[in-house]
């Protein structure tokens, strides 16, 4: 079979599968269609004519969105991630976990002194109560000294200063 004829078959298989097939799959598909051809020949023809599989777009969830006009708390921690004792400085962050039932968002609060998780919360959405629930769990378990705790997090829209403290009145006295 000539290169031109083989190239027509390759382009047909490629088009049928909307550009998702690379040379290994196209080669196997050609064999299924009783077109006897070597792997290297298919690979070389595709390469010479710029035919290659589209790569899949990665699913990416943004857990931090700093582009908001909400008030932001001052950075009291000032990159001092080694407090002198427990329950003086906590930090928190969000991540997401793929499950069989879909994505779940996880908020974790860590005591910077002991490096232990003091609170966590999971939800199917990124509502600010996700972070508040994790922080409340830490306050309930650890009972930090009133007014002596710094909670440090990124500038994401789930934890802006005023809304965060206002919606968790039970913790307002614990935070500095």
C-alpha atoms as a PDB file:
ATOM      1  CA  UNK A   1       0.000   0.000   0.000  1.00  0.00           C
ATOM      2  CA  UNK A   2       1.349   3.411  -0.882  1.00  0.00           C
ATOM      3  CA  UNK A   3       2.048   6.071   1.759  1.00  0.00           C
ATOM      4  CA  UNK A   4      -0.737   8.248   0.295  1.00  0.00           C
ATOM      5  CA  UNK A   5      -3.324   5.474   0.589  1.00  0.00           C
ATOM      6  CA  UNK A   6      -2.196   4.574   4.118  1.00  0.00           C
ATOM      7  CA  UNK A   7      -2.273   8.236   5.106  1.00  0.00           C
ATOM      8  CA  UNK A   8      -5.894   8.449   3.924  1.00  0.00           C
ATOM      9  CA  UNK A   9      -6.796   5.489   6.176  1.00  0.00           C
ATOM     10  CA  UNK A  10      -4.904   7.025   9.099  1.00  0.00           C
ATOM     11  CA  UNK A  11      -6.711  10.358   8.635  1.00  0.00           C
ATOM     12  CA  UNK A  12     -10.066   8.571   8.454  1.00  0.00           C
ATOM     13  CA  UNK A  13      -9.475   6.706  11.742  1.00  0.00           C
ATOM     14  CA  UNK A  14      -8.133   9.892  13.313  1.00  0.00           C
ATOM     15  CA  UNK A  15     -11.226  11.858  12.255  1.00  0.00           C
ATOM     16  CA  UNK A  16     -13.654   9.118  13.381  1.00  0.00           C
ATOM     17  CA  UNK A  17     -12.203   9.326  16.870  1.00  0.00           C
ATOM     18  CA  UNK A  18     -12.123  13.136  16.859  1.00  0.00           C
ATOM     19  CA  UNK A  19      -8.351  13.365  17.188  1.00  0.00           C
ATOM     20  CA  UNK A  20      -8.201  11.404  20.423  1.00  0.00           C
ATOM     21  CA  UNK A  21      -6.190   8.493  19.032  1.00  0.00           C
ATOM     22  CA  UNK A  22      -2.407   8.473  18.822  1.00  0.00           C
ATOM     23  CA  UNK A  23      -0.356   6.134  16.649  1.00  0.00           C
ATOM     24  CA  UNK A  24      -0.712   2.990  18.852  1.00  0.00           C
ATOM     25  CA  UNK A  25      -4.505   3.082  18.790  1.00  0.00           C
ATOM     26  CA  UNK A  26      -4.655   4.037  15.126  1.00  0.00           C
ATOM     27  CA  UNK A  27      -2.300   1.156  14.278  1.00  0.00           C
ATOM     28  CA  UNK A  28      -4.510  -1.305  16.196  1.00  0.00           C
ATOM     29  CA  UNK A  29      -7.617   0.101  14.500  1.00  0.00           C
ATOM     30  CA  UNK A  30      -6.007  -0.358  11.085  1.00  0.00           C
ATOM     31  CA  UNK A  31      -5.198  -3.986  11.935  1.00  0.00           C
ATOM     32  CA  UNK A  32      -8.850  -4.538  12.953  1.00  0.00           C
ATOM     33  CA  UNK A  33      -9.822  -3.207   9.525  1.00  0.00           C
ATOM     34  CA  UNK A  34      -7.485  -5.763   7.882  1.00  0.00           C
ATOM     35  CA  UNK A  35      -4.940  -3.168   6.827  1.00  0.00           C
ATOM     36  CA  UNK A  36      -1.576  -4.860   7.374  1.00  0.00           C
ATOM     37  CA  UNK A  37       1.012  -2.256   8.294  1.00  0.00           C
ATOM     38  CA  UNK A  38       3.920  -1.907  10.711  1.00  0.00           C
ATOM     39  CA  UNK A  39       3.809   0.225  13.829  1.00  0.00           C
ATOM     40  CA  UNK A  40       6.820   2.309  12.863  1.00  0.00           C
ATOM     41  CA  UNK A  41       5.357   3.147   9.470  1.00  0.00           C
ATOM     42  CA  UNK A  42       2.129   4.460  11.049  1.00  0.00           C
ATOM     43  CA  UNK A  43       4.141   6.363  13.641  1.00  0.00           C
ATOM     44  CA  UNK A  44       6.441   7.936  11.041  1.00  0.00           C
ATOM     45  CA  UNK A  45       3.627   8.926   8.671  1.00  0.00           C
ATOM     46  CA  UNK A  46       1.658  10.535  11.477  1.00  0.00           C
ATOM     47  CA  UNK A  47       4.754  12.374  12.672  1.00  0.00           C
ATOM     48  CA  UNK A  48       5.668  13.590   9.188  1.00  0.00           C
ATOM     49  CA  UNK A  49       2.171  14.993   8.634  1.00  0.00           C
ATOM     50  CA  UNK A  50       1.705  16.479  12.110  1.00  0.00           C
ATOM     51  CA  UNK A  51      -1.079  14.101  13.135  1.00  0.00           C
ATOM     52  CA  UNK A  52      -1.119  13.496  16.862  1.00  0.00           C
ATOM     53  CA  UNK A  53      -3.616  12.835  19.592  1.00  0.00           C
ATOM     54  CA  UNK A  54      -5.208  15.717  21.444  1.00  0.00           C
ATOM     55  CA  UNK A  55      -4.211  15.675  25.075  1.00  0.00           C
ATOM     56  CA  UNK A  56      -6.985  15.592  27.641  1.00  0.00           C
ATOM     57  CA  UNK A  57      -7.642  18.772  29.530  1.00  0.00           C
ATOM     58  CA  UNK A  58      -6.860  18.364  33.182  1.00  0.00           C
ATOM     59  CA  UNK A  59      -9.684  18.969  35.612  1.00  0.00           C
ATOM     60  CA  UNK A  60      -8.527  21.680  37.948  1.00  0.00           C
ATOM     61  CA  UNK A  61     -10.375  23.098  40.916  1.00  0.00           C
ATOM     62  CA  UNK A  62      -9.352  26.445  42.287  1.00  0.00           C
ATOM     63  CA  UNK A  63      -9.315  26.400  46.073  1.00  0.00           C
ATOM     64  CA  UNK A  64      -7.862  29.900  46.415  1.00  0.00           C
ATOM     65  CA  UNK A  65      -9.378  32.948  44.804  1.00  0.00           C
ATOM     66  CA  UNK A  66      -7.589  36.091  45.944  1.00  0.00           C
ATOM     67  CA  UNK A  67      -9.414  38.264  43.418  1.00  0.00           C
ATOM     68  CA  UNK A  68     -12.125  39.604  45.711  1.00  0.00           C
ATOM     69  CA  UNK A  69     -12.880  42.960  47.268  1.00  0.00           C
ATOM     70  CA  UNK A  70     -13.625  41.555  50.720  1.00  0.00           C
ATOM     71  CA  UNK A  71     -11.598  42.810  53.697  1.00  0.00           C
ATOM     72  CA  UNK A  72      -8.403  40.890  54.414  1.00  0.00           C
ATOM     73  CA  UNK A  73      -6.998  40.433  57.904  1.00  0.00           C
ATOM     74  CA  UNK A  74      -3.524  41.780  58.627  1.00  0.00           C
ATOM     75  CA  UNK A  75      -0.706  39.224  58.564  1.00  0.00           C
ATOM     76  CA  UNK A  76      -0.100  38.874  62.323  1.00  0.00           C
ATOM     77  CA  UNK A  77       1.971  35.730  61.908  1.00  0.00           C
ATOM     78  CA  UNK A  78       4.464  37.528  59.668  1.00  0.00           C
ATOM     79  CA  UNK A  79       6.041  34.242  58.473  1.00  0.00           C
ATOM     80  CA  UNK A  80       6.871  33.152  62.037  1.00  0.00           C
ATOM     81  CA  UNK A  81       5.785  29.542  61.649  1.00  0.00           C
ATOM     82  CA  UNK A  82       7.444  28.372  64.890  1.00  0.00           C
ATOM     83  CA  UNK A  83       5.361  29.576  67.859  1.00  0.00           C
ATOM     84  CA  UNK A  84       6.703  29.157  71.422  1.00  0.00           C
ATOM     85  CA  UNK A  85       3.842  26.927  72.583  1.00  0.00           C
ATOM     86  CA  UNK A  86       0.648  25.139  71.609  1.00  0.00           C
ATOM     87  CA  UNK A  87      -2.559  26.984  70.675  1.00  0.00           C
ATOM     88  CA  UNK A  88      -0.788  30.234  69.833  1.00  0.00           C
ATOM     89  CA  UNK A  89      -0.780  29.973  66.041  1.00  0.00           C
ATOM     90  CA  UNK A  90      -2.918  27.791  63.826  1.00  0.00           C
ATOM     91  CA  UNK A  91      -2.962  27.657  60.076  1.00  0.00           C
ATOM     92  CA  UNK A  92      -5.547  26.377  57.655  1.00  0.00           C
ATOM     93  CA  UNK A  93      -5.923  25.427  54.037  1.00  0.00           C
ATOM     94  CA  UNK A  94      -8.341  23.862  51.574  1.00  0.00           C
ATOM     95  CA  UNK A  95      -7.874  21.003  49.160  1.00  0.00           C
ATOM     96  CA  UNK A  96     -10.099  18.738  47.119  1.00  0.00           C
ATOM     97  CA  UNK A  97     -10.363  14.971  46.952  1.00  0.00           C
ATOM     98  CA  UNK A  98     -11.792  12.866  44.120  1.00  0.00           C
ATOM     99  CA  UNK A  99     -14.236  10.212  45.328  1.00  0.00           C
ATOM    100  CA  UNK A 100     -16.481   7.786  43.494  1.00  0.00           C
ATOM    101  CA  UNK A 101     -19.410  10.105  44.195  1.00  0.00           C
ATOM    102  CA  UNK A 102     -17.645  13.253  42.993  1.00  0.00           C
ATOM    103  CA  UNK A 103     -15.314  15.900  44.376  1.00  0.00           C
ATOM    104  CA  UNK A 104     -15.201  16.707  48.087  1.00  0.00           C
ATOM    105  CA  UNK A 105     -13.528  19.756  49.554  1.00  0.00           C
ATOM    106  CA  UNK A 106     -11.473  19.384  52.726  1.00  0.00           C
ATOM    107  CA  UNK A 107     -10.540  22.186  55.117  1.00  0.00           C
ATOM    108  CA  UNK A 108      -7.809  21.434  57.639  1.00  0.00           C
ATOM    109  CA  UNK A 109      -6.609  23.458  60.635  1.00  0.00           C
ATOM    110  CA  UNK A 110      -3.139  22.674  62.021  1.00  0.00           C
ATOM    111  CA  UNK A 111      -1.478  23.832  65.249  1.00  0.00           C
ATOM    112  CA  UNK A 112       1.889  25.199  64.101  1.00  0.00           C
ATOM    113  CA  UNK A 113       3.594  24.253  67.379  1.00  0.00           C
ATOM    114  CA  UNK A 114       2.698  20.547  67.429  1.00  0.00           C
ATOM    115  CA  UNK A 115       2.077  20.259  63.646  1.00  0.00           C
ATOM    116  CA  UNK A 116      -1.052  18.266  64.471  1.00  0.00           C
ATOM    117  CA  UNK A 117      -4.452  18.597  62.845  1.00  0.00           C
ATOM    118  CA  UNK A 118      -6.768  20.199  65.389  1.00  0.00           C
ATOM    119  CA  UNK A 119      -9.820  20.516  63.148  1.00  0.00           C
ATOM    120  CA  UNK A 120     -11.157  19.514  59.768  1.00  0.00           C
ATOM    121  CA  UNK A 121     -14.323  19.648  57.710  1.00  0.00           C
ATOM    122  CA  UNK A 122     -15.522  18.146  54.419  1.00  0.00           C
ATOM    123  CA  UNK A 123     -18.254  19.349  52.075  1.00  0.00           C
ATOM    124  CA  UNK A 124     -19.229  18.855  48.441  1.00  0.00           C
ATOM    125  CA  UNK A 125     -18.920  22.637  47.888  1.00  0.00           C
ATOM    126  CA  UNK A 126     -16.526  25.401  48.931  1.00  0.00           C
ATOM    127  CA  UNK A 127     -18.829  27.372  51.189  1.00  0.00           C
ATOM    128  CA  UNK A 128     -17.123  29.455  53.875  1.00  0.00           C
ATOM    129  CA  UNK A 129     -18.738  27.262  56.554  1.00  0.00           C
ATOM    130  CA  UNK A 130     -16.245  24.603  55.483  1.00  0.00           C
ATOM    131  CA  UNK A 131     -13.390  26.595  57.036  1.00  0.00           C
ATOM    132  CA  UNK A 132     -15.487  27.825  59.971  1.00  0.00           C
ATOM    133  CA  UNK A 133     -16.506  24.267  60.903  1.00  0.00           C
ATOM    134  CA  UNK A 134     -12.858  23.128  60.845  1.00  0.00           C
ATOM    135  CA  UNK A 135     -11.797  26.047  63.049  1.00  0.00           C
ATOM    136  CA  UNK A 136     -14.695  25.501  65.469  1.00  0.00           C
ATOM    137  CA  UNK A 137     -13.682  21.842  65.794  1.00  0.00           C
ATOM    138  CA  UNK A 138     -10.174  22.950  66.776  1.00  0.00           C
ATOM    139  CA  UNK A 139     -11.478  25.472  69.322  1.00  0.00           C
ATOM    140  CA  UNK A 140     -13.822  22.856  70.809  1.00  0.00           C
ATOM    141  CA  UNK A 141     -11.063  20.227  71.096  1.00  0.00           C
ATOM    142  CA  UNK A 142      -8.165  22.435  72.188  1.00  0.00           C
ATOM    143  CA  UNK A 143      -9.871  25.262  74.162  1.00  0.00           C
ATOM    144  CA  UNK A 144      -7.158  27.856  73.424  1.00  0.00           C
ATOM    145  CA  UNK A 145      -6.668  30.814  75.756  1.00  0.00           C
ATOM    146  CA  UNK A 146      -9.157  33.595  74.963  1.00  0.00           C
ATOM    147  CA  UNK A 147      -7.642  36.277  72.743  1.00  0.00           C
ATOM    148  CA  UNK A 148      -4.346  34.429  72.398  1.00  0.00           C
ATOM    149  CA  UNK A 149      -4.768  32.544  69.125  1.00  0.00           C
ATOM    150  CA  UNK A 150      -3.675  33.637  65.657  1.00  0.00           C
ATOM    151  CA  UNK A 151      -5.361  31.837  62.765  1.00  0.00           C
ATOM    152  CA  UNK A 152      -3.377  32.186  59.560  1.00  0.00           C
ATOM    153  CA  UNK A 153      -4.668  31.213  56.131  1.00  0.00           C
ATOM    154  CA  UNK A 154      -4.283  32.267  52.526  1.00  0.00           C
ATOM    155  CA  UNK A 155      -6.272  35.134  51.025  1.00  0.00           C
ATOM    156  CA  UNK A 156      -8.964  32.955  49.493  1.00  0.00           C
ATOM    157  CA  UNK A 157     -12.542  34.114  49.415  1.00  0.00           C
ATOM    158  CA  UNK A 158     -13.613  31.496  51.998  1.00  0.00           C
ATOM    159  CA  UNK A 159     -11.676  33.193  54.814  1.00  0.00           C
ATOM    160  CA  UNK A 160     -11.829  36.990  54.452  1.00  0.00           C
ATOM    161  CA  UNK A 161     -11.407  38.688  57.815  1.00  0.00           C
ATOM    162  CA  UNK A 162     -14.694  40.390  58.687  1.00  0.00           C
ATOM    163  CA  UNK A 163     -17.079  37.803  57.252  1.00  0.00           C
ATOM    164  CA  UNK A 164     -15.071  34.957  58.760  1.00  0.00           C
ATOM    165  CA  UNK A 165     -15.098  36.298  62.327  1.00  0.00           C
ATOM    166  CA  UNK A 166     -18.665  37.625  62.138  1.00  0.00           C
ATOM    167  CA  UNK A 167     -20.117  34.319  61.013  1.00  0.00           C
ATOM    168  CA  UNK A 168     -18.366  32.438  63.817  1.00  0.00           C
ATOM    169  CA  UNK A 169     -19.191  34.542  66.871  1.00  0.00           C
ATOM    170  CA  UNK A 170     -18.344  31.701  69.231  1.00  0.00           C
ATOM    171  CA  UNK A 171     -14.719  31.964  68.080  1.00  0.00           C
ATOM    172  CA  UNK A 172     -14.348  35.723  67.920  1.00  0.00           C
ATOM    173  CA  UNK A 173     -13.092  35.874  71.510  1.00  0.00           C
ATOM    174  CA  UNK A 174     -10.423  33.225  70.835  1.00  0.00           C
ATOM    175  CA  UNK A 175      -8.859  35.019  67.905  1.00  0.00           C
ATOM    176  CA  UNK A 176      -6.380  37.839  68.242  1.00  0.00           C
END
